[in-house]
Amino acid sequence: MQGDIVPIGEARIGVTDWGLTHADCVYDVVPVWNGAFFRLSDYLARFETSLSAARMDVGMDRESMVAALQRMVATSGLRRAYVAMVGARGTPLIHGTRDPRACANHFYAWCVPYVHVIAPDIAEAGASVWVSDTTRRIPEDSVNPRAKNYHWGDFTAGLFEAKDRGFETVLLCDHSGHVTEGPGFNVFALKEQTLVTPDRNVLHGITRQTVIEMAQTAGLVVEERALRVEEVFDADEVMLSSSGGGVSPVTRLNDRVFGNGAPGPVSKDLRARYFELMEEPAYRTEILYGPADP
């Protein structure tokens, strides 16, 4: 926070910061696995794209951001971590203004022990997902989903629906009946040897890209296109992808049960491949651990 490393419980932003009052933030999350960032340059490139899309200038170049993240994680001592970098609109320099150009944009970052969006035991057994037919994804011409942001009103409403019905998480559709994404994950549907993932109204996740690359290496045909909800229910396998946990097989969508309630072979294979890939030197940026900050 403002160049200082503090315990996460002591981190603060002002109550009039638009990052708080308007959820006017963009962010990204890079995983740390066994002492190294995974695909750090890809996550930073997307974060920079999000900053640009939001018209934010946090006054830091990529080298400065890398140094900040390195120092923070090294100080924490965490070898497996969930590391967030955030650009916030900031506090207006002129009291009472509604002009976003008058806000002092700023950068902050935080890390906690590695987060699994779907708990590992549930992911191994297969997750249950509620596909909402009442809560719709915010249209992409209202909030740009490719600029990773804190607008979660639709996801939160969907999560209440899912949890009230005993499901682990929720998948939202757009107003045209196409599936989009869920809170913190992209979705894939497998039919025979073709793996399909939505390309509109979704974040183009780094883990999504990793799954696409792994699937192509495994000989699957990958399609990025509009995906109707009926196709997902008719799929042979469904899986989720997230920086928090990699690939998570789905065994239930609403009343539709896949694989007699067990994860499918392709989902299981891609899940295992993801964690193997996280150990590949070409994708890793080692963290320079040292003495804790005084």
Protein backbone atom coordinates (compact mmCIF):
# COMPACT_ATOMS: atom_id res chain seq x y z
CA MET A 1 0.00 0.00 0.00
CA GLN A 2 1.66 3.25 -1.23
CA GLY A 3 4.99 1.44 -1.33
CA ASP A 4 4.75 -0.10 2.14
CA ILE A 5 4.26 -3.75 3.07
CA VAL A 6 1.74 -4.21 5.87
CA PRO A 7 -0.26 -7.12 7.31
CA ILE A 8 -3.33 -7.60 5.16
CA GLY A 9 -5.62 -6.85 8.11
CA GLU A 10 -4.07 -3.40 8.38
CA ALA A 11 -4.32 -2.45 4.69
CA ARG A 12 -6.56 0.59 4.12
CA ILE A 13 -8.04 2.75 1.39
CA GLY A 14 -10.07 5.88 2.03
CA VAL A 15 -13.84 5.68 2.46
CA THR A 16 -14.31 8.17 -0.42
CA ASP A 17 -12.07 6.27 -2.83
CA TRP A 18 -14.08 5.45 -5.94
CA GLY A 19 -12.55 2.00 -5.79
CA LEU A 20 -14.77 1.52 -2.73
CA THR A 21 -17.78 3.74 -3.42
CA HIS A 22 -18.16 2.82 -7.11
CA ALA A 23 -16.34 -0.55 -7.33
CA ASP A 24 -14.17 1.38 -9.77
CA CYS A 25 -11.20 -0.99 -9.83
CA VAL A 26 -9.48 -3.24 -12.29
CA TYR A 27 -7.34 -6.08 -11.06
CA ASP A 28 -5.62 -9.31 -11.87
CA VAL A 29 -4.55 -12.37 -9.93
CA VAL A 30 -1.38 -14.32 -10.58
CA PRO A 31 -0.81 -17.66 -8.83
CA VAL A 32 2.36 -18.52 -7.01
CA TRP A 33 3.12 -22.23 -7.05
CA ASN A 34 6.03 -23.80 -5.20
CA GLY A 35 7.97 -20.58 -4.97
CA ALA A 36 7.39 -19.07 -8.42
CA PHE A 37 4.85 -16.93 -10.23
CA PHE A 38 3.05 -18.82 -13.02
CA ARG A 39 2.79 -17.00 -16.39
CA LEU A 40 3.55 -13.68 -14.70
CA SER A 41 4.18 -11.76 -17.92
CA ASP A 42 0.79 -12.85 -19.30
CA TYR A 43 -1.04 -11.72 -16.17
CA LEU A 44 0.80 -8.40 -16.14
CA ALA A 45 0.03 -7.82 -19.83
CA ARG A 46 -3.66 -8.35 -19.17
CA PHE A 47 -3.54 -6.10 -16.10
CA GLU A 48 -1.98 -3.35 -18.20
CA THR A 49 -4.71 -3.84 -20.82
CA SER A 50 -7.35 -3.53 -18.10
CA LEU A 51 -5.75 -0.33 -16.78
CA SER A 52 -5.76 1.13 -20.27
CA ALA A 53 -9.38 0.13 -20.88
CA ALA A 54 -10.38 1.78 -17.60
CA ARG A 55 -8.32 4.88 -18.45
CA MET A 56 -6.22 4.58 -15.32
CA ASP A 57 -2.62 5.62 -14.84
CA VAL A 58 -1.22 4.28 -11.58
CA GLY A 59 2.24 5.75 -12.20
CA MET A 60 4.08 2.43 -12.36
CA ASP A 61 5.71 0.61 -15.25
CA ARG A 62 5.87 -3.17 -15.51
CA GLU A 63 9.32 -3.39 -13.93
CA SER A 64 8.04 -1.50 -10.88
CA MET A 65 5.01 -3.77 -10.59
CA VAL A 66 7.15 -6.90 -10.80
CA ALA A 67 9.45 -5.52 -8.11
CA ALA A 68 6.48 -4.73 -5.86
CA LEU A 69 4.96 -8.19 -6.27
CA GLN A 70 8.32 -9.91 -5.80
CA ARG A 71 9.06 -7.98 -2.62
CA MET A 72 5.59 -8.52 -1.17
CA VAL A 73 5.48 -12.29 -1.75
CA ALA A 74 9.09 -12.76 -0.64
CA THR A 75 8.33 -10.88 2.57
CA SER A 76 5.22 -13.01 3.18
CA GLY A 77 7.25 -16.20 2.81
CA LEU A 78 4.32 -17.84 1.01
CA ARG A 79 5.39 -20.57 -1.41
CA ARG A 80 1.88 -21.11 -2.74
CA ALA A 81 -0.11 -17.91 -2.94
CA TYR A 82 -2.98 -16.02 -4.53
CA VAL A 83 -1.52 -12.67 -5.53
CA ALA A 84 -3.75 -9.75 -6.53
CA MET A 85 -2.68 -6.52 -8.20
CA VAL A 86 -5.24 -3.71 -8.23
CA GLY A 87 -5.71 -0.38 -9.97
CA ALA A 88 -8.21 1.80 -8.12
CA ARG A 89 -9.77 5.03 -9.37
CA GLY A 90 -8.85 6.80 -6.16
CA THR A 91 -10.15 9.77 -4.21
CA PRO A 92 -11.33 12.86 -6.12
CA LEU A 93 -8.87 15.71 -5.74
CA ILE A 94 -11.81 18.12 -5.85
CA HIS A 95 -14.46 17.46 -3.21
CA GLY A 96 -17.89 16.59 -4.61
CA THR A 97 -16.83 16.22 -8.25
CA ARG A 98 -18.28 13.50 -10.48
CA ASP A 99 -15.45 13.82 -12.99
CA PRO A 100 -13.41 10.56 -13.05
CA ARG A 101 -10.46 12.50 -14.48
CA ALA A 102 -10.18 14.31 -11.15
CA CYS A 103 -9.36 11.14 -9.20
CA ALA A 104 -5.85 10.12 -8.16
CA ASN A 105 -5.47 6.59 -9.53
CA HIS A 106 -3.34 4.25 -7.46
CA PHE A 107 -1.89 0.75 -7.33
CA TYR A 108 -1.99 -1.71 -4.48
CA ALA A 109 -1.43 -5.42 -4.16
CA TRP A 110 -2.09 -8.20 -1.68
CA CYS A 111 -1.35 -11.87 -1.25
CA VAL A 112 -2.84 -14.69 0.78
CA PRO A 113 -2.27 -18.46 0.83
CA TYR A 114 -3.27 -20.06 -2.48
CA VAL A 115 -7.01 -19.87 -3.10
CA HIS A 116 -9.01 -22.62 -4.80
CA VAL A 117 -12.18 -21.19 -6.36
CA ILE A 118 -13.56 -24.73 -6.11
CA ALA A 119 -12.26 -26.54 -3.02
CA PRO A 120 -9.77 -29.28 -4.03
CA ASP A 121 -11.84 -32.15 -2.64
CA ILE A 122 -14.91 -30.92 -4.52
CA ALA A 123 -12.94 -30.34 -7.72
CA GLU A 124 -11.50 -33.86 -7.55
CA ALA A 125 -14.96 -35.37 -7.08
CA GLY A 126 -16.68 -33.00 -9.53
CA ALA A 127 -18.42 -29.71 -8.82
CA SER A 128 -22.13 -28.92 -8.94
CA VAL A 129 -23.07 -25.76 -10.86
CA TRP A 130 -26.36 -23.90 -10.95
CA VAL A 131 -27.15 -22.36 -14.34
CA SER A 132 -29.36 -19.39 -13.51
CA ASP A 133 -32.39 -18.63 -15.67
CA THR A 134 -33.19 -15.42 -13.79
CA THR A 135 -29.91 -13.60 -13.11
CA ARG A 136 -28.18 -12.55 -16.33
CA ARG A 137 -24.60 -11.48 -16.94
CA ILE A 138 -24.09 -7.72 -17.14
CA PRO A 139 -23.98 -6.95 -20.90
CA GLU A 140 -20.51 -6.34 -22.28
CA ASP A 141 -21.58 -2.99 -23.73
CA SER A 142 -22.33 -1.88 -20.15
CA VAL A 143 -19.30 -3.29 -18.32
CA ASN A 144 -16.32 -4.56 -20.29
CA PRO A 145 -15.65 -8.13 -19.05
CA ARG A 146 -12.22 -8.23 -20.67
CA ALA A 147 -11.06 -5.55 -18.25
CA LYS A 148 -11.02 -7.66 -15.09
CA ASN A 149 -13.10 -5.67 -12.64
CA TYR A 150 -14.89 -5.60 -9.29
CA HIS A 151 -18.46 -5.37 -10.66
CA TRP A 152 -19.90 -8.48 -9.05
CA GLY A 153 -23.56 -7.59 -8.53
CA ASP A 154 -24.71 -10.22 -11.02
CA PHE A 155 -22.33 -12.88 -9.73
CA THR A 156 -23.32 -12.27 -6.11
CA ALA A 157 -27.02 -12.56 -6.91
CA GLY A 158 -26.30 -15.78 -8.82
CA LEU A 159 -24.25 -17.21 -5.96
CA PHE A 160 -27.17 -16.68 -3.57
CA GLU A 161 -29.37 -18.62 -6.01
CA ALA A 162 -26.84 -21.45 -6.24
CA LYS A 163 -26.13 -21.71 -2.53
CA ASP A 164 -29.82 -21.59 -1.64
CA ARG A 165 -30.29 -24.65 -3.89
CA GLY A 166 -27.30 -26.56 -2.55
CA PHE A 167 -24.96 -25.98 -5.51
CA GLU A 168 -21.30 -25.09 -5.25
CA THR A 169 -21.31 -22.16 -7.66
CA VAL A 170 -23.20 -20.46 -10.48
CA LEU A 171 -22.87 -20.04 -14.25
CA LEU A 172 -24.57 -17.03 -15.84
CA CYS A 173 -26.06 -16.67 -19.30
CA ASP A 174 -26.52 -13.51 -21.34
CA HIS A 175 -29.89 -12.18 -22.50
CA SER A 176 -29.65 -14.20 -25.73
CA GLY A 177 -29.42 -17.59 -24.06
CA HIS A 178 -25.67 -18.07 -24.39
CA VAL A 179 -23.55 -19.10 -21.43
CA THR A 180 -20.88 -16.64 -20.35
CA GLU A 181 -18.86 -17.23 -17.18
CA GLY A 182 -19.11 -17.57 -13.43
CA PRO A 183 -17.61 -15.85 -10.39
CA GLY A 184 -13.90 -16.33 -11.01
CA PHE A 185 -13.97 -18.90 -13.79
CA ASN A 186 -14.47 -19.59 -17.49
CA VAL A 187 -16.40 -22.62 -18.74
CA PHE A 188 -15.67 -25.33 -21.35
CA ALA A 189 -18.03 -27.89 -22.88
CA LEU A 190 -16.68 -31.06 -24.50
CA LYS A 191 -18.64 -32.91 -27.22
CA GLU A 192 -16.78 -35.89 -28.64
CA GLN A 193 -13.35 -34.43 -29.58
CA THR A 194 -14.36 -30.77 -29.70
CA LEU A 195 -13.91 -28.43 -26.74
CA VAL A 196 -15.94 -25.20 -26.88
CA THR A 197 -15.57 -22.11 -24.72
CA PRO A 198 -17.52 -18.83 -24.97
CA ASP A 199 -15.73 -15.91 -26.61
CA ARG A 200 -18.22 -13.10 -25.91
CA ASN A 201 -19.16 -11.38 -22.66
CA VAL A 202 -16.35 -13.19 -20.83
CA LEU A 203 -12.91 -12.49 -19.44
CA HIS A 204 -10.31 -14.08 -21.68
CA GLY A 205 -8.66 -15.78 -18.73
CA ILE A 206 -5.01 -16.74 -18.62
CA THR A 207 -6.02 -20.15 -17.29
CA ARG A 208 -8.61 -20.30 -20.09
CA GLN A 209 -5.76 -19.79 -22.56
CA THR A 210 -3.69 -22.42 -20.77
CA VAL A 211 -6.55 -24.92 -21.10
CA ILE A 212 -6.90 -24.11 -24.81
CA GLU A 213 -3.19 -24.73 -25.33
CA MET A 214 -3.21 -27.97 -23.33
CA ALA A 215 -6.30 -29.24 -25.16
CA GLN A 216 -4.76 -28.55 -28.55
CA THR A 217 -1.57 -30.33 -27.51
CA ALA A 218 -3.72 -33.29 -26.47
CA GLY A 219 -5.24 -33.42 -29.96
CA LEU A 220 -8.62 -31.86 -29.25
CA VAL A 221 -10.33 -29.39 -31.54
CA VAL A 222 -10.93 -26.12 -29.68
CA GLU A 223 -13.60 -23.62 -30.67
CA GLU A 224 -13.96 -20.15 -29.18
CA ARG A 225 -17.47 -19.03 -30.06
CA ALA A 226 -20.96 -18.30 -28.80
CA LEU A 227 -22.11 -21.28 -26.74
CA ARG A 228 -25.82 -21.87 -26.26
CA VAL A 229 -26.95 -23.12 -22.89
CA GLU A 230 -28.54 -26.20 -24.53
CA GLU A 231 -25.11 -27.25 -25.82
CA VAL A 232 -23.67 -27.19 -22.34
CA PHE A 233 -26.41 -29.41 -20.95
CA ASP A 234 -25.92 -31.77 -23.91
CA ALA A 235 -22.12 -31.96 -23.55
CA ASP A 236 -20.17 -35.09 -22.73
CA GLU A 237 -18.09 -33.22 -20.16
CA VAL A 238 -18.11 -29.73 -18.66
CA MET A 239 -15.22 -28.09 -16.86
CA LEU A 240 -14.30 -24.75 -15.30
CA SER A 241 -10.97 -22.92 -15.47
CA SER A 242 -9.60 -20.47 -12.95
CA SER A 243 -6.28 -19.11 -11.71
CA GLY A 244 -7.51 -20.33 -8.35
CA GLY A 245 -7.28 -24.08 -8.85
CA GLY A 246 -6.73 -24.66 -12.56
CA VAL A 247 -9.26 -27.04 -14.14
CA SER A 248 -12.30 -28.16 -12.15
CA PRO A 249 -14.51 -30.93 -13.60
CA VAL A 250 -18.28 -30.48 -13.34
CA THR A 251 -20.49 -33.46 -12.58
CA ARG A 252 -23.83 -31.70 -12.20
CA LEU A 253 -25.56 -28.78 -13.92
CA ASN A 254 -28.97 -28.17 -12.37
CA ASP A 255 -30.69 -31.58 -12.77
CA ARG A 256 -28.25 -32.83 -15.42
CA VAL A 257 -25.68 -35.31 -14.09
CA PHE A 258 -22.53 -36.03 -16.10
CA GLY A 259 -20.56 -39.28 -16.08
CA ASN A 260 -22.80 -40.94 -13.50
CA GLY A 261 -21.58 -38.32 -11.04
CA ALA A 262 -17.85 -38.79 -11.67
CA PRO A 263 -15.40 -36.46 -13.47
CA GLY A 264 -14.82 -37.30 -17.11
CA PRO A 265 -11.46 -38.52 -18.42
CA VAL A 266 -10.64 -35.38 -20.42
CA SER A 267 -11.44 -33.08 -17.50
CA LYS A 268 -9.30 -35.18 -15.16
CA ASP A 269 -6.43 -35.26 -17.65
CA LEU A 270 -6.46 -31.48 -18.19
CA ARG A 271 -6.61 -30.90 -14.44
CA ALA A 272 -3.50 -33.01 -13.93
CA ARG A 273 -1.72 -31.43 -16.90
CA TYR A 274 -2.32 -27.94 -15.50
CA PHE A 275 -0.50 -28.64 -12.24
CA GLU A 276 2.33 -30.30 -14.17
CA LEU A 277 2.61 -27.22 -16.38
CA MET A 278 2.92 -24.98 -13.33
CA GLU A 279 6.26 -26.68 -12.67
CA GLU A 280 7.62 -26.05 -16.18
CA PRO A 281 10.56 -23.58 -16.04
CA ALA A 282 9.40 -21.75 -19.18
CA TYR A 283 6.27 -20.56 -17.37
CA ARG A 284 7.83 -19.75 -14.00
CA THR A 285 9.27 -16.57 -12.54
CA GLU A 286 11.15 -17.60 -9.42
CA ILE A 287 10.62 -15.52 -6.30
CA LEU A 288 13.73 -14.20 -4.60
CA TYR A 289 12.95 -15.07 -1.01
CA GLY A 290 15.13 -13.43 1.61
CA PRO A 291 14.97 -11.98 5.10
CA ALA A 292 11.59 -10.60 6.11
CA ASP A 293 11.09 -6.85 5.80
CA PRO A 294 12.11 -5.03 9.00
